[in-house]
Amino acid sequence: MINTDKVDISKYAMSGDVVTFYQGITGLTNSEVYSSGYYLELIAKKRDELLSVVEPQGDVGKQLSLF
């Protein structure tokens, strides 16, 4: 749901409407090509966060892998 105070996305719908939008090459959009670089960077950050949480502490004798 779009709140009236969300100026950046208000041009895509009226208050109360449900819309899908994503990061395009020129900014937020719901109709142009998405920015693959933007999403690849987000995925890389999440991967690093996950690896920092599941990284084995000390000598475990085997390697676990998520990716």
N, C-alpha and C. Protein backbone atom coordinates (compact mmCIF):
# COMPACT_ATOMS: atom_id res chain seq x y z
N MET A 1 0.84 -1.17 0.00
CA MET A 1 0.00 0.00 0.00
C MET A 1 0.89 1.23 0.00
N ILE A 2 0.53 2.22 -0.76
CA ILE A 2 1.30 3.46 -0.84
C ILE A 2 0.71 4.47 0.13
N ASN A 3 1.54 4.98 1.01
CA ASN A 3 1.12 6.04 1.91
C ASN A 3 1.29 7.38 1.20
N THR A 4 0.51 8.36 1.58
CA THR A 4 0.57 9.66 0.92
C THR A 4 1.89 10.38 1.16
N ASP A 5 2.64 10.01 2.17
CA ASP A 5 3.91 10.69 2.44
C ASP A 5 5.08 10.11 1.65
N LYS A 6 4.84 9.10 0.82
CA LYS A 6 5.89 8.49 0.01
C LYS A 6 5.94 9.17 -1.35
N VAL A 7 6.56 10.32 -1.41
CA VAL A 7 6.57 11.14 -2.61
C VAL A 7 7.25 10.44 -3.78
N ASP A 8 8.34 9.72 -3.55
CA ASP A 8 9.09 9.09 -4.63
C ASP A 8 8.27 8.11 -5.45
N ILE A 9 7.35 7.41 -4.83
CA ILE A 9 6.58 6.40 -5.56
C ILE A 9 5.12 6.80 -5.79
N SER A 10 4.74 7.97 -5.31
CA SER A 10 3.34 8.36 -5.42
C SER A 10 2.90 8.60 -6.86
N LYS A 11 3.84 8.82 -7.77
CA LYS A 11 3.46 9.05 -9.17
C LYS A 11 2.97 7.77 -9.85
N TYR A 12 3.16 6.61 -9.21
CA TYR A 12 2.76 5.34 -9.82
C TYR A 12 1.35 4.91 -9.47
N ALA A 13 0.74 5.51 -8.45
CA ALA A 13 -0.60 5.07 -8.03
C ALA A 13 -1.21 6.10 -7.10
N MET A 14 -2.45 5.87 -6.78
CA MET A 14 -3.16 6.71 -5.82
C MET A 14 -2.97 6.12 -4.42
N SER A 15 -3.16 6.93 -3.40
CA SER A 15 -3.05 6.46 -2.03
C SER A 15 -4.01 5.30 -1.81
N GLY A 16 -3.53 4.23 -1.22
CA GLY A 16 -4.34 3.05 -0.97
C GLY A 16 -4.19 1.97 -2.01
N ASP A 17 -3.65 2.29 -3.20
CA ASP A 17 -3.43 1.30 -4.25
C ASP A 17 -2.26 0.39 -3.88
N VAL A 18 -2.30 -0.82 -4.38
CA VAL A 18 -1.18 -1.76 -4.22
C VAL A 18 -0.48 -1.84 -5.57
N VAL A 19 0.82 -1.58 -5.59
CA VAL A 19 1.57 -1.60 -6.84
C VAL A 19 2.87 -2.37 -6.65
N THR A 20 3.43 -2.83 -7.77
CA THR A 20 4.75 -3.45 -7.76
C THR A 20 5.70 -2.48 -8.45
N PHE A 21 6.80 -2.18 -7.81
CA PHE A 21 7.81 -1.32 -8.42
C PHE A 21 9.18 -1.88 -8.08
N TYR A 22 10.17 -1.47 -8.81
CA TYR A 22 11.52 -1.98 -8.63
C TYR A 22 12.52 -0.94 -9.09
N GLN A 23 13.78 -1.21 -8.83
CA GLN A 23 14.84 -0.28 -9.19
C GLN A 23 15.18 -0.46 -10.66
N GLY A 24 14.90 0.56 -11.45
CA GLY A 24 15.28 0.57 -12.86
C GLY A 24 16.60 1.27 -13.05
N ILE A 25 17.03 1.36 -14.25
CA ILE A 25 18.31 2.01 -14.55
C ILE A 25 18.27 3.49 -14.20
N THR A 26 17.12 4.13 -14.39
CA THR A 26 17.01 5.57 -14.10
C THR A 26 16.30 5.87 -12.79
N GLY A 27 16.02 4.86 -11.97
CA GLY A 27 15.35 5.08 -10.68
C GLY A 27 14.21 4.10 -10.49
N LEU A 28 13.34 4.39 -9.52
CA LEU A 28 12.20 3.51 -9.25
C LEU A 28 11.28 3.47 -10.46
N THR A 29 10.77 2.30 -10.78
CA THR A 29 9.91 2.15 -11.95
C THR A 29 8.98 0.98 -11.79
N ASN A 30 8.00 0.92 -12.64
CA ASN A 30 7.15 -0.26 -12.74
C ASN A 30 6.96 -0.65 -14.19
N SER A 31 7.81 -0.09 -15.08
CA SER A 31 7.63 -0.39 -16.49
C SER A 31 8.91 -0.54 -17.30
N GLU A 32 10.03 -0.03 -16.84
CA GLU A 32 11.25 -0.12 -17.64
C GLU A 32 12.12 -1.31 -17.21
N VAL A 33 13.22 -1.51 -17.88
CA VAL A 33 14.15 -2.59 -17.58
C VAL A 33 14.72 -2.40 -16.17
N TYR A 34 14.82 -3.50 -15.42
CA TYR A 34 15.37 -3.39 -14.07
C TYR A 34 16.88 -3.26 -14.11
N SER A 35 17.46 -2.73 -13.04
CA SER A 35 18.90 -2.53 -12.93
C SER A 35 19.54 -3.79 -12.35
N SER A 36 20.12 -4.61 -13.19
CA SER A 36 20.72 -5.86 -12.71
C SER A 36 21.88 -5.58 -11.75
N GLY A 37 22.65 -4.53 -12.00
CA GLY A 37 23.76 -4.19 -11.12
C GLY A 37 23.31 -3.87 -9.71
N TYR A 38 22.21 -3.16 -9.60
CA TYR A 38 21.66 -2.80 -8.29
C TYR A 38 21.31 -4.06 -7.50
N TYR A 39 20.62 -5.00 -8.16
CA TYR A 39 20.20 -6.22 -7.46
C TYR A 39 21.37 -7.18 -7.22
N LEU A 40 22.33 -7.22 -8.11
CA LEU A 40 23.52 -8.04 -7.86
C LEU A 40 24.29 -7.54 -6.65
N GLU A 41 24.35 -6.23 -6.49
CA GLU A 41 25.02 -5.65 -5.32
C GLU A 41 24.27 -6.01 -4.03
N LEU A 42 22.94 -5.94 -4.06
CA LEU A 42 22.15 -6.35 -2.89
C LEU A 42 22.38 -7.81 -2.53
N ILE A 43 22.40 -8.66 -3.54
CA ILE A 43 22.62 -10.10 -3.31
C ILE A 43 24.01 -10.34 -2.73
N ALA A 44 25.02 -9.64 -3.23
CA ALA A 44 26.38 -9.79 -2.72
C ALA A 44 26.45 -9.39 -1.24
N LYS A 45 25.77 -8.30 -0.88
CA LYS A 45 25.75 -7.87 0.52
C LYS A 45 25.08 -8.91 1.41
N LYS A 46 23.94 -9.44 0.96
CA LYS A 46 23.24 -10.46 1.75
C LYS A 46 24.08 -11.72 1.87
N ARG A 47 24.77 -12.09 0.81
CA ARG A 47 25.65 -13.26 0.85
C ARG A 47 26.73 -13.07 1.91
N ASP A 48 27.36 -11.89 1.92
CA ASP A 48 28.40 -11.61 2.92
C ASP A 48 27.83 -11.67 4.34
N GLU A 49 26.61 -11.14 4.52
CA GLU A 49 25.97 -11.19 5.83
C GLU A 49 25.74 -12.64 6.27
N LEU A 50 25.23 -13.45 5.36
CA LEU A 50 24.99 -14.87 5.67
C LEU A 50 26.29 -15.60 6.00
N LEU A 51 27.30 -15.37 5.19
CA LEU A 51 28.57 -16.05 5.43
C LEU A 51 29.19 -15.64 6.76
N SER A 52 29.00 -14.40 7.16
CA SER A 52 29.56 -13.97 8.45
C SER A 52 28.84 -14.64 9.62
N VAL A 53 27.57 -15.01 9.42
CA VAL A 53 26.80 -15.67 10.47
C VAL A 53 27.13 -17.15 10.54
N VAL A 54 27.26 -17.80 9.38
CA VAL A 54 27.45 -19.26 9.36
C VAL A 54 28.91 -19.68 9.28
N GLU A 55 29.82 -18.72 9.30
CA GLU A 55 31.24 -19.06 9.23
C GLU A 55 31.63 -19.90 10.45
N PRO A 56 32.21 -21.07 10.21
CA PRO A 56 32.60 -21.94 11.33
C PRO A 56 33.63 -21.27 12.24
N GLN A 57 33.47 -21.48 13.53
CA GLN A 57 34.41 -20.95 14.51
C GLN A 57 35.39 -22.05 14.89
N GLY A 58 36.66 -21.78 14.71
CA GLY A 58 37.67 -22.77 15.07
C GLY A 58 37.81 -23.85 14.02
N ASP A 59 38.48 -24.96 14.37
CA ASP A 59 38.72 -26.06 13.44
C ASP A 59 37.57 -27.05 13.53
N VAL A 60 36.73 -27.10 12.50
CA VAL A 60 35.57 -28.00 12.52
C VAL A 60 35.83 -29.27 11.74
N GLY A 61 36.93 -29.33 10.97
CA GLY A 61 37.29 -30.55 10.27
C GLY A 61 36.62 -30.73 8.93
N LYS A 62 35.62 -29.95 8.62
CA LYS A 62 34.98 -30.01 7.31
C LYS A 62 34.43 -28.64 6.96
N GLN A 63 34.20 -28.44 5.68
CA GLN A 63 33.71 -27.15 5.23
C GLN A 63 32.23 -27.28 4.85
N LEU A 64 31.44 -26.37 5.37
CA LEU A 64 30.03 -26.31 5.00
C LEU A 64 29.88 -25.23 3.93
N SER A 65 28.97 -25.41 3.01
CA SER A 65 28.82 -24.45 1.94
C SER A 65 27.36 -24.08 1.73
N LEU A 66 27.11 -22.81 1.54
CA LEU A 66 25.79 -22.33 1.19
C LEU A 66 25.69 -22.02 -0.29
N PHE A 67 26.81 -21.68 -0.90
CA PHE A 67 26.79 -21.23 -2.30
C PHE A 67 27.79 -22.01 -3.11
